[in-house]
N, C-alpha and C. Protein backbone atom coordinates (compact mmCIF):
# COMPACT_ATOMS: atom_id res chain seq x y z
N MET A 1 0.82 -1.20 0.00
CA MET A 1 0.00 0.00 0.00
C MET A 1 0.86 1.26 0.00
N SER A 2 2.02 1.19 0.62
CA SER A 2 2.87 2.38 0.66
C SER A 2 3.41 2.73 -0.73
N ALA A 3 3.57 1.74 -1.60
CA ALA A 3 4.04 2.01 -2.96
C ALA A 3 3.00 2.83 -3.72
N LEU A 4 1.74 2.52 -3.51
CA LEU A 4 0.68 3.27 -4.18
C LEU A 4 0.63 4.72 -3.67
N ILE A 5 0.83 4.90 -2.39
CA ILE A 5 0.87 6.24 -1.82
C ILE A 5 2.05 7.02 -2.39
N TYR A 6 3.19 6.34 -2.53
CA TYR A 6 4.38 6.96 -3.11
C TYR A 6 4.11 7.44 -4.53
N VAL A 7 3.47 6.60 -5.33
CA VAL A 7 3.15 6.96 -6.72
C VAL A 7 2.22 8.17 -6.75
N VAL A 8 1.19 8.15 -5.92
CA VAL A 8 0.24 9.26 -5.90
C VAL A 8 0.92 10.55 -5.47
N LEU A 9 1.78 10.48 -4.45
CA LEU A 9 2.48 11.68 -3.99
C LEU A 9 3.41 12.23 -5.07
N VAL A 10 4.12 11.36 -5.76
CA VAL A 10 5.01 11.82 -6.84
C VAL A 10 4.20 12.48 -7.95
N LEU A 11 3.07 11.88 -8.32
CA LEU A 11 2.24 12.47 -9.37
C LEU A 11 1.69 13.83 -8.95
N ILE A 12 1.30 13.96 -7.68
CA ILE A 12 0.80 15.24 -7.19
C ILE A 12 1.90 16.29 -7.21
N ILE A 13 3.09 15.92 -6.75
CA ILE A 13 4.20 16.87 -6.71
C ILE A 13 4.59 17.30 -8.13
N VAL A 14 4.69 16.35 -9.04
CA VAL A 14 5.04 16.69 -10.43
C VAL A 14 3.96 17.58 -11.04
N GLY A 15 2.71 17.26 -10.78
CA GLY A 15 1.62 18.06 -11.32
C GLY A 15 1.62 19.48 -10.79
N VAL A 16 1.85 19.63 -9.49
CA VAL A 16 1.88 20.97 -8.90
C VAL A 16 3.07 21.76 -9.43
N LEU A 17 4.24 21.12 -9.54
CA LEU A 17 5.41 21.81 -10.08
C LEU A 17 5.18 22.25 -11.52
N LEU A 18 4.59 21.37 -12.31
CA LEU A 18 4.31 21.72 -13.71
C LEU A 18 3.30 22.87 -13.79
N TRP A 19 2.29 22.83 -12.93
CA TRP A 19 1.31 23.91 -12.90
C TRP A 19 1.96 25.23 -12.50
N LEU A 20 2.84 25.20 -11.48
CA LEU A 20 3.53 26.41 -11.06
C LEU A 20 4.39 26.98 -12.18
N ILE A 21 5.11 26.10 -12.87
CA ILE A 21 5.95 26.56 -13.99
C ILE A 21 5.09 27.16 -15.09
N ASN A 22 3.99 26.49 -15.43
CA ASN A 22 3.12 26.99 -16.50
C ASN A 22 2.42 28.29 -16.12
N SER A 23 2.12 28.45 -14.83
CA SER A 23 1.36 29.62 -14.40
C SER A 23 2.23 30.84 -14.15
N PHE A 24 3.41 30.65 -13.60
CA PHE A 24 4.16 31.79 -13.10
C PHE A 24 5.46 32.11 -13.83
N LEU A 25 5.94 31.22 -14.67
CA LEU A 25 7.15 31.52 -15.43
C LEU A 25 6.76 31.96 -16.84
N PRO A 26 7.16 33.16 -17.21
CA PRO A 26 6.82 33.62 -18.57
C PRO A 26 7.70 32.94 -19.62
N MET A 27 7.04 32.25 -20.53
CA MET A 27 7.76 31.64 -21.65
C MET A 27 6.79 31.46 -22.81
N ALA A 28 7.34 31.28 -23.97
CA ALA A 28 6.52 31.13 -25.17
C ALA A 28 5.65 29.88 -25.06
N SER A 29 4.49 29.94 -25.67
CA SER A 29 3.56 28.81 -25.58
C SER A 29 4.13 27.55 -26.21
N SER A 30 4.96 27.69 -27.23
CA SER A 30 5.55 26.50 -27.85
C SER A 30 6.51 25.81 -26.88
N ILE A 31 7.24 26.60 -26.10
CA ILE A 31 8.15 26.00 -25.12
C ILE A 31 7.36 25.32 -24.01
N LYS A 32 6.25 25.95 -23.59
CA LYS A 32 5.39 25.33 -22.57
C LYS A 32 4.84 24.00 -23.08
N THR A 33 4.43 23.97 -24.33
CA THR A 33 3.90 22.74 -24.91
C THR A 33 4.96 21.65 -24.93
N ILE A 34 6.17 21.99 -25.35
CA ILE A 34 7.26 21.01 -25.37
C ILE A 34 7.56 20.52 -23.96
N LEU A 35 7.61 21.44 -23.00
CA LEU A 35 7.86 21.07 -21.61
C LEU A 35 6.78 20.12 -21.09
N ASN A 36 5.52 20.43 -21.36
CA ASN A 36 4.42 19.57 -20.92
C ASN A 36 4.52 18.18 -21.54
N ILE A 37 4.83 18.11 -22.82
CA ILE A 37 4.94 16.81 -23.49
C ILE A 37 6.09 16.00 -22.92
N VAL A 38 7.23 16.65 -22.69
CA VAL A 38 8.39 15.95 -22.13
C VAL A 38 8.07 15.43 -20.73
N VAL A 39 7.44 16.25 -19.90
CA VAL A 39 7.11 15.82 -18.54
C VAL A 39 6.13 14.65 -18.57
N VAL A 40 5.13 14.71 -19.42
CA VAL A 40 4.15 13.61 -19.51
C VAL A 40 4.83 12.33 -19.97
N ILE A 41 5.71 12.40 -20.96
CA ILE A 41 6.42 11.21 -21.44
C ILE A 41 7.30 10.62 -20.34
N VAL A 42 8.02 11.49 -19.63
CA VAL A 42 8.89 11.01 -18.55
C VAL A 42 8.07 10.37 -17.44
N VAL A 43 6.95 10.97 -17.08
CA VAL A 43 6.10 10.40 -16.02
C VAL A 43 5.53 9.06 -16.46
N ILE A 44 5.10 8.95 -17.71
CA ILE A 44 4.57 7.67 -18.21
C ILE A 44 5.65 6.60 -18.19
N MET A 45 6.86 6.96 -18.63
CA MET A 45 7.96 5.98 -18.61
C MET A 45 8.30 5.58 -17.18
N TRP A 46 8.28 6.54 -16.25
CA TRP A 46 8.55 6.23 -14.85
C TRP A 46 7.48 5.30 -14.28
N LEU A 47 6.21 5.57 -14.60
CA LEU A 47 5.13 4.71 -14.11
C LEU A 47 5.26 3.30 -14.68
N LEU A 48 5.55 3.18 -15.97
CA LEU A 48 5.73 1.86 -16.57
C LEU A 48 6.90 1.13 -15.94
N SER A 49 7.97 1.84 -15.66
CA SER A 49 9.12 1.23 -15.00
C SER A 49 8.79 0.85 -13.56
N PHE A 50 8.07 1.70 -12.88
CA PHE A 50 7.71 1.45 -11.48
C PHE A 50 6.87 0.18 -11.34
N PHE A 51 5.94 -0.02 -12.27
CA PHE A 51 5.08 -1.19 -12.21
C PHE A 51 5.66 -2.40 -12.94
N GLY A 52 6.89 -2.29 -13.44
CA GLY A 52 7.57 -3.42 -14.04
C GLY A 52 7.17 -3.75 -15.46
N ILE A 53 6.51 -2.85 -16.13
CA ILE A 53 6.09 -3.09 -17.50
C ILE A 53 7.19 -2.73 -18.49
N PHE A 54 7.95 -1.71 -18.16
CA PHE A 54 9.03 -1.22 -19.02
C PHE A 54 10.24 -0.95 -18.14
N HIS A 55 11.41 -1.38 -18.58
CA HIS A 55 12.61 -1.19 -17.78
C HIS A 55 13.47 -0.09 -18.37
N LEU A 56 13.76 0.93 -17.55
CA LEU A 56 14.58 2.05 -18.01
C LEU A 56 16.06 1.71 -17.99
N HIS A 57 16.45 0.78 -17.13
CA HIS A 57 17.86 0.43 -16.98
C HIS A 57 18.16 -0.87 -17.71
N SER A 58 19.29 -0.93 -18.37
CA SER A 58 19.64 -2.13 -19.12
C SER A 58 20.30 -3.19 -18.25
N GLY A 59 20.69 -2.84 -17.02
CA GLY A 59 21.40 -3.78 -16.15
C GLY A 59 20.54 -4.51 -15.31
């Protein structure tokens, strides 16, 4: 059960950080879009790795 809480907390923290960056840092909309896409891809890869579906490490 603690693993699920860990995943939820990480997702909340990443979401809040991304929201803060999007809301308060002035940058072009294209850069914001790229940042959002990169963060979503990294989070999806981390979730797949966390649940053992995809391995990020070759060792």
